[in-house]
């Protein structure tokens, strides 16, 4: 006999008294008795008749399955730039092309096709798709969607202009926000030669804050992520990038606290220095890197928004 507990509490089960050789055993004694409450798991019921000449006892199992896993939210929207869209640098950089030059090409193109890298967006490997796959497998009874609203080459000012229409079209319950690298790369590309002044992250942080407040104003909760790291190769070619990312990430963490977001999804801390997660251009994740990002968002979502009923914890008297 199998039943499901919808609230993780014991389930009351009743049954007819057993029979022996077709004869009801009216005075049999079952342990546990019919009408008892059974906890999640498999329990054995043993019935002993008063006329042991017919049979000494009989038994059967009762299985109580746990509630279906459930999330508070089912509609998610991932918003950002190429690292959200799913840009993957295939293979090695073209001969004679440095990561710095790739950044300049991406910045100048503003979303237009670029020879040799125009087909590098792989939506099925992007972290939003991988995240949806993880959530769907874990919460099979719910219809879960993770809309990918990443746009390659976008800077945060463009994100501020675009986010309202995206919120209205998707109507998410939770926004996953990861953006800011293109602002940093553009600042390095566009500053005068020889200028070593630290890049200001104030405007980038203000734009991210604006997007968070916009989402909250639409009743959408926000998971704010830190920027992903760059490799040593990239830092050697564009000195100061790492320090600027670290400065922005510090501001992002402070912002999450100030706006009551409950902390950040710290992609930087999880990916920095890990072999194989950042690609040949030095800043876009690999397929493995995107998978790890999806796992980090998944873990945070489950931690915050899993509302599957749990059995009360037993406490010592």
Protein backbone atom coordinates (compact mmCIF):
# COMPACT_ATOMS: atom_id res chain seq x y z
CA UNK A 1 0.00 0.00 0.00
CA UNK A 2 1.41 3.41 -0.98
CA UNK A 3 0.27 6.95 -0.18
CA UNK A 4 1.87 10.37 -0.50
CA UNK A 5 2.23 12.87 2.31
CA UNK A 6 1.40 16.29 0.91
CA UNK A 7 2.69 18.14 3.98
CA UNK A 8 5.53 15.84 5.13
CA UNK A 9 3.48 14.83 8.18
CA UNK A 10 2.42 11.25 8.98
CA UNK A 11 -0.55 9.93 7.00
CA UNK A 12 -3.45 8.09 8.64
CA UNK A 13 -4.05 4.74 6.95
CA UNK A 14 -6.95 2.36 7.54
CA UNK A 15 -7.48 -1.12 6.11
CA UNK A 16 -9.84 -4.08 6.36
CA UNK A 17 -8.91 -6.88 8.71
CA UNK A 18 -7.00 -9.66 6.96
CA UNK A 19 -8.45 -13.08 6.13
CA UNK A 20 -6.96 -16.54 6.51
CA UNK A 21 -8.09 -19.18 4.00
CA UNK A 22 -10.88 -16.79 3.03
CA UNK A 23 -12.20 -16.49 6.58
CA UNK A 24 -12.11 -13.00 8.14
CA UNK A 25 -10.11 -12.89 11.32
CA UNK A 26 -12.44 -10.71 13.34
CA UNK A 27 -10.38 -10.67 16.50
CA UNK A 28 -6.99 -10.23 14.93
CA UNK A 29 -4.60 -7.72 16.39
CA UNK A 30 -2.55 -5.59 13.99
CA UNK A 31 0.49 -3.62 14.97
CA UNK A 32 0.35 -0.80 14.16
CA UNK A 33 -3.47 -0.81 14.27
CA UNK A 34 -5.71 0.24 11.40
CA UNK A 35 -6.21 4.00 11.57
CA UNK A 36 -2.65 4.67 12.73
CA UNK A 37 -0.55 7.52 11.33
CA UNK A 38 2.48 6.42 9.31
CA UNK A 39 5.57 8.59 8.72
CA UNK A 40 7.38 9.03 5.42
CA UNK A 41 9.15 5.81 4.51
CA UNK A 42 8.16 2.13 4.53
CA UNK A 43 6.54 0.57 7.60
CA UNK A 44 5.58 -3.07 8.20
CA UNK A 45 2.18 -3.97 9.66
CA UNK A 46 1.95 -7.37 11.36
CA UNK A 47 -1.44 -8.93 12.16
CA UNK A 48 -1.76 -11.86 14.57
CA UNK A 49 -5.09 -13.78 14.77
CA UNK A 50 -6.48 -15.12 18.00
CA UNK A 51 -6.79 -18.57 16.40
CA UNK A 52 -3.16 -19.39 15.81
CA UNK A 53 -4.10 -22.81 14.44
CA UNK A 54 -5.13 -21.04 11.24
CA UNK A 55 -1.97 -18.99 10.94
CA UNK A 56 0.56 -17.46 13.28
CA UNK A 57 0.61 -14.04 11.62
CA UNK A 58 0.62 -12.13 8.37
CA UNK A 59 2.23 -8.85 7.39
CA UNK A 60 2.21 -6.19 4.71
CA UNK A 61 4.04 -2.95 3.95
CA UNK A 62 2.81 0.63 3.91
CA UNK A 63 4.93 3.17 2.05
CA UNK A 64 4.49 6.92 2.55
CA UNK A 65 6.25 9.00 -0.11
CA UNK A 66 7.41 12.59 0.55
CA UNK A 67 5.78 15.67 -0.96
CA UNK A 68 6.77 16.69 -4.48
CA UNK A 69 9.62 19.23 -4.45
CA UNK A 70 8.28 22.76 -4.92
CA UNK A 71 9.76 26.17 -5.63
CA UNK A 72 8.24 29.48 -4.62
CA UNK A 73 8.97 30.90 -8.10
CA UNK A 74 8.76 29.30 -11.54
CA UNK A 75 9.36 32.25 -13.92
CA UNK A 76 12.95 33.47 -14.08
CA UNK A 77 14.69 36.01 -16.32
CA UNK A 78 18.47 36.12 -16.82
CA UNK A 79 19.51 39.63 -17.87
CA UNK A 80 22.91 40.85 -18.97
CA UNK A 81 25.45 40.87 -21.78
CA UNK A 82 27.27 38.18 -23.79
CA UNK A 83 28.11 36.17 -20.67
CA UNK A 84 24.38 35.75 -20.15
CA UNK A 85 23.62 35.25 -23.84
CA UNK A 86 26.14 32.40 -23.99
CA UNK A 87 29.15 33.67 -25.96
CA UNK A 88 31.89 31.04 -26.18
CA UNK A 89 35.26 31.72 -27.79
CA UNK A 90 35.85 28.63 -29.99
CA UNK A 91 39.39 27.32 -29.92
CA UNK A 92 42.36 29.67 -29.85
CA UNK A 93 42.43 33.34 -30.67
CA UNK A 94 43.20 34.17 -34.32
CA UNK A 95 46.95 34.50 -35.00
CA UNK A 96 48.33 37.81 -33.84
CA UNK A 97 45.09 38.84 -32.08
CA UNK A 98 45.31 39.60 -28.36
CA UNK A 99 42.45 39.46 -25.84
CA UNK A 100 42.65 43.26 -25.70
CA UNK A 101 41.99 43.47 -29.44
CA UNK A 102 39.07 41.06 -29.12
CA UNK A 103 37.57 43.36 -26.48
CA UNK A 104 38.02 46.32 -28.82
CA UNK A 105 36.34 44.43 -31.68
CA UNK A 106 33.40 43.44 -29.51
CA UNK A 107 33.07 46.97 -28.19
CA UNK A 108 33.22 48.58 -31.64
CA UNK A 109 30.82 46.07 -33.21
CA UNK A 110 27.97 46.89 -30.79
CA UNK A 111 26.24 43.62 -31.54
CA UNK A 112 26.99 43.44 -35.26
CA UNK A 113 28.58 40.25 -36.70
CA UNK A 114 32.36 40.00 -36.43
CA UNK A 115 34.35 37.67 -38.74
CA UNK A 116 35.46 34.44 -37.01
CA UNK A 117 33.53 35.13 -33.79
CA UNK A 118 30.03 36.00 -35.05
CA UNK A 119 28.79 32.43 -34.56
CA UNK A 120 30.23 32.04 -31.08
CA UNK A 121 26.93 32.44 -29.20
CA UNK A 122 25.78 28.98 -28.14
CA UNK A 123 22.33 29.39 -26.53
CA UNK A 124 22.05 25.75 -25.47
CA UNK A 125 25.28 26.03 -23.47
CA UNK A 126 24.40 29.40 -21.93
CA UNK A 127 23.95 29.36 -18.18
CA UNK A 128 20.20 30.23 -18.32
CA UNK A 129 19.42 27.11 -20.38
CA UNK A 130 21.60 24.92 -18.18
CA UNK A 131 19.93 26.43 -15.12
CA UNK A 132 16.47 25.67 -16.50
CA UNK A 133 17.53 22.07 -17.11
CA UNK A 134 18.70 21.75 -13.50
CA UNK A 135 15.53 23.30 -12.10
CA UNK A 136 13.24 21.23 -14.32
CA UNK A 137 14.91 17.99 -13.24
CA UNK A 138 14.70 18.91 -9.57
CA UNK A 139 11.10 20.24 -9.66
CA UNK A 140 9.47 17.94 -12.20
CA UNK A 141 5.88 18.76 -11.26
CA UNK A 142 6.29 22.50 -11.91
CA UNK A 143 6.58 24.29 -15.26
CA UNK A 144 9.79 26.29 -14.90
CA UNK A 145 11.13 28.81 -17.43
CA UNK A 146 14.39 30.75 -17.46
CA UNK A 147 14.21 33.42 -20.16
CA UNK A 148 17.60 34.40 -21.60
CA UNK A 149 17.69 38.17 -22.07
CA UNK A 150 21.42 38.52 -22.62
CA UNK A 151 22.64 40.88 -25.36
CA UNK A 152 26.25 40.71 -26.52
CA UNK A 153 28.16 43.98 -26.32
CA UNK A 154 25.64 45.68 -24.04
CA UNK A 155 26.78 48.18 -21.44
CA UNK A 156 24.84 48.90 -18.27
CA UNK A 157 23.37 52.17 -19.58
CA UNK A 158 21.80 50.18 -22.42
CA UNK A 159 20.62 47.66 -19.88
CA UNK A 160 18.86 50.41 -17.95
CA UNK A 161 17.03 51.39 -21.15
CA UNK A 162 16.14 47.80 -22.07
CA UNK A 163 15.18 46.19 -18.80
CA UNK A 164 11.64 47.59 -18.52
CA UNK A 165 10.51 46.11 -21.82
CA UNK A 166 12.12 42.80 -20.89
CA UNK A 167 10.35 42.74 -17.52
CA UNK A 168 7.02 43.50 -19.16
CA UNK A 169 7.42 40.91 -21.90
CA UNK A 170 8.67 38.05 -19.70
CA UNK A 171 6.88 38.98 -16.45
CA UNK A 172 9.39 37.10 -14.31
CA UNK A 173 9.08 36.48 -10.60
CA UNK A 174 12.86 36.50 -10.16
CA UNK A 175 15.53 38.46 -12.04
CA UNK A 176 19.10 37.12 -12.37
CA UNK A 177 21.26 40.19 -13.02
CA UNK A 178 24.85 39.95 -14.31
CA UNK A 179 26.25 42.92 -16.19
CA UNK A 180 29.07 45.46 -16.21
CA UNK A 181 32.08 43.93 -17.94
CA UNK A 182 31.52 45.78 -21.22
CA UNK A 183 31.57 49.11 -19.39
CA UNK A 184 34.95 48.20 -17.94
CA UNK A 185 36.41 46.96 -21.21
CA UNK A 186 35.13 50.03 -23.08
CA UNK A 187 36.72 52.32 -20.52
CA UNK A 188 40.11 50.67 -21.04
CA UNK A 189 39.77 50.63 -24.82
CA UNK A 190 38.73 54.28 -25.06
CA UNK A 191 41.05 55.96 -22.58
CA UNK A 192 44.13 57.80 -23.93
CA UNK A 193 47.37 55.89 -24.38
CA UNK A 194 49.55 56.02 -21.30
CA UNK A 195 46.66 56.93 -19.00
CA UNK A 196 46.91 54.73 -15.89
CA UNK A 197 44.16 56.41 -13.88
CA UNK A 198 41.97 53.77 -12.19
CA UNK A 199 38.68 53.23 -14.00
CA UNK A 200 35.70 54.62 -12.08
CA UNK A 201 32.98 52.09 -11.35
CA UNK A 202 30.53 54.63 -9.91
CA UNK A 203 28.37 54.93 -13.04
CA UNK A 204 28.31 51.17 -13.57
CA UNK A 205 27.18 50.61 -9.98
CA UNK A 206 24.54 53.33 -10.30
CA UNK A 207 23.16 51.67 -13.44
CA UNK A 208 23.04 48.27 -11.77
CA UNK A 209 21.26 49.82 -8.81
CA UNK A 210 18.75 51.42 -11.18
CA UNK A 211 18.00 48.04 -12.77
CA UNK A 212 17.53 46.38 -9.38
CA UNK A 213 15.16 49.12 -8.21
CA UNK A 214 13.26 48.92 -11.50
CA UNK A 215 12.73 45.19 -11.04
CA UNK A 216 11.68 45.63 -7.43
CA UNK A 217 9.24 48.31 -8.53
CA UNK A 218 7.62 45.72 -10.80
CA UNK A 219 7.33 43.28 -7.88
CA UNK A 220 10.24 41.15 -9.07
CA UNK A 221 12.84 39.75 -6.69
CA UNK A 222 16.48 40.03 -7.73
CA UNK A 223 19.53 37.77 -7.53
CA UNK A 224 22.52 40.04 -8.16
CA UNK A 225 25.72 38.34 -9.31
CA UNK A 226 29.33 39.43 -9.16
CA UNK A 227 31.24 39.71 -12.43
CA UNK A 228 33.18 36.65 -13.55
CA UNK A 229 37.01 36.81 -13.44
CA UNK A 230 39.52 37.37 -16.21
CA UNK A 231 42.59 35.20 -16.72
CA UNK A 232 46.19 36.22 -16.12
CA UNK A 233 46.67 36.41 -19.90
CA UNK A 234 43.94 39.00 -20.15
CA UNK A 235 45.25 40.95 -17.16
CA UNK A 236 48.76 40.99 -18.67
CA UNK A 237 47.35 42.47 -21.87
CA UNK A 238 44.95 44.88 -20.19
CA UNK A 239 46.54 45.75 -16.83
CA UNK A 240 44.07 47.02 -14.26
CA UNK A 241 41.08 44.99 -15.46
CA UNK A 242 41.18 42.61 -12.51
CA UNK A 243 41.41 45.44 -9.97
CA UNK A 244 38.46 47.22 -11.61
CA UNK A 245 36.36 44.04 -11.58
CA UNK A 246 37.22 43.51 -7.92
CA UNK A 247 36.23 47.08 -7.13
CA UNK A 248 32.90 46.71 -8.91
CA UNK A 249 32.26 43.36 -7.24
CA UNK A 250 32.87 44.94 -3.84
CA UNK A 251 30.29 47.58 -4.71
CA UNK A 252 27.88 44.89 -5.95
CA UNK A 253 28.15 43.03 -2.64
CA UNK A 254 27.51 46.25 -0.70
CA UNK A 255 24.59 47.08 -2.97
CA UNK A 256 22.99 43.68 -2.38
CA UNK A 257 23.13 44.30 1.36
CA UNK A 258 21.86 47.87 1.14
CA UNK A 259 18.92 46.91 -1.09
CA UNK A 260 17.95 43.91 1.00
CA UNK A 261 18.79 41.33 -1.65
CA UNK A 262 20.15 38.82 0.84
CA UNK A 263 23.68 38.66 -0.54
CA UNK A 264 25.00 37.95 -4.03
CA UNK A 265 25.63 34.96 -6.25
CA UNK A 266 29.41 35.19 -6.04
CA UNK A 267 30.50 33.96 -9.45
CA UNK A 268 33.90 35.61 -9.14
CA UNK A 269 34.83 33.81 -5.94
CA UNK A 270 33.71 30.45 -7.34
CA UNK A 271 35.44 30.74 -10.74
CA UNK A 272 38.62 32.71 -10.07
CA UNK A 273 41.70 30.59 -10.62
CA UNK A 274 39.75 27.45 -11.53
CA UNK A 275 41.30 25.78 -14.62
CA UNK A 276 39.08 25.33 -17.67
CA UNK A 277 36.22 27.68 -16.77
CA UNK A 278 37.38 30.79 -18.68
CA UNK A 279 37.96 30.57 -22.44
CA UNK A 280 40.74 31.54 -24.81
CA UNK A 281 39.79 35.22 -24.97
CA UNK A 282 40.44 35.47 -21.24
CA UNK A 283 37.02 36.61 -20.07
CA UNK A 284 34.15 34.59 -21.59
CA UNK A 285 33.40 31.32 -19.76
CA UNK A 286 33.77 27.95 -21.43
CA UNK A 287 30.94 25.40 -21.59
CA UNK A 288 32.27 24.09 -18.29
CA UNK A 289 32.30 27.60 -16.88
CA UNK A 290 28.70 28.22 -17.90
CA UNK A 291 27.71 24.90 -16.33
CA UNK A 292 29.36 25.96 -13.08
CA UNK A 293 27.54 29.31 -13.20
CA UNK A 294 24.23 27.48 -13.66
CA UNK A 295 25.03 25.28 -10.66
CA UNK A 296 25.78 28.34 -8.52
CA UNK A 297 22.52 30.05 -9.44
CA UNK A 298 20.68 26.75 -8.94
CA UNK A 299 22.12 26.28 -5.44
CA UNK A 300 21.17 29.84 -4.47
CA UNK A 301 17.63 29.49 -5.83
CA UNK A 302 17.08 26.20 -4.01
CA UNK A 303 18.50 27.64 -0.80
CA UNK A 304 16.23 30.67 -0.90
CA UNK A 305 13.06 29.56 -2.64
CA UNK A 306 12.52 25.84 -2.08
CA UNK A 307 9.19 25.57 -0.22
CA UNK A 308 8.87 21.79 -0.20
CA UNK A 309 7.14 20.81 3.08
CA UNK A 310 9.56 19.25 5.55
CA UNK A 311 8.82 17.03 8.49
CA UNK A 312 9.29 18.82 11.83
CA UNK A 313 12.72 18.26 13.29
CA UNK A 314 12.75 16.13 16.40
CA UNK A 315 14.11 17.86 19.47
CA UNK A 316 15.48 16.28 22.60
CA UNK A 317 13.18 16.47 25.63
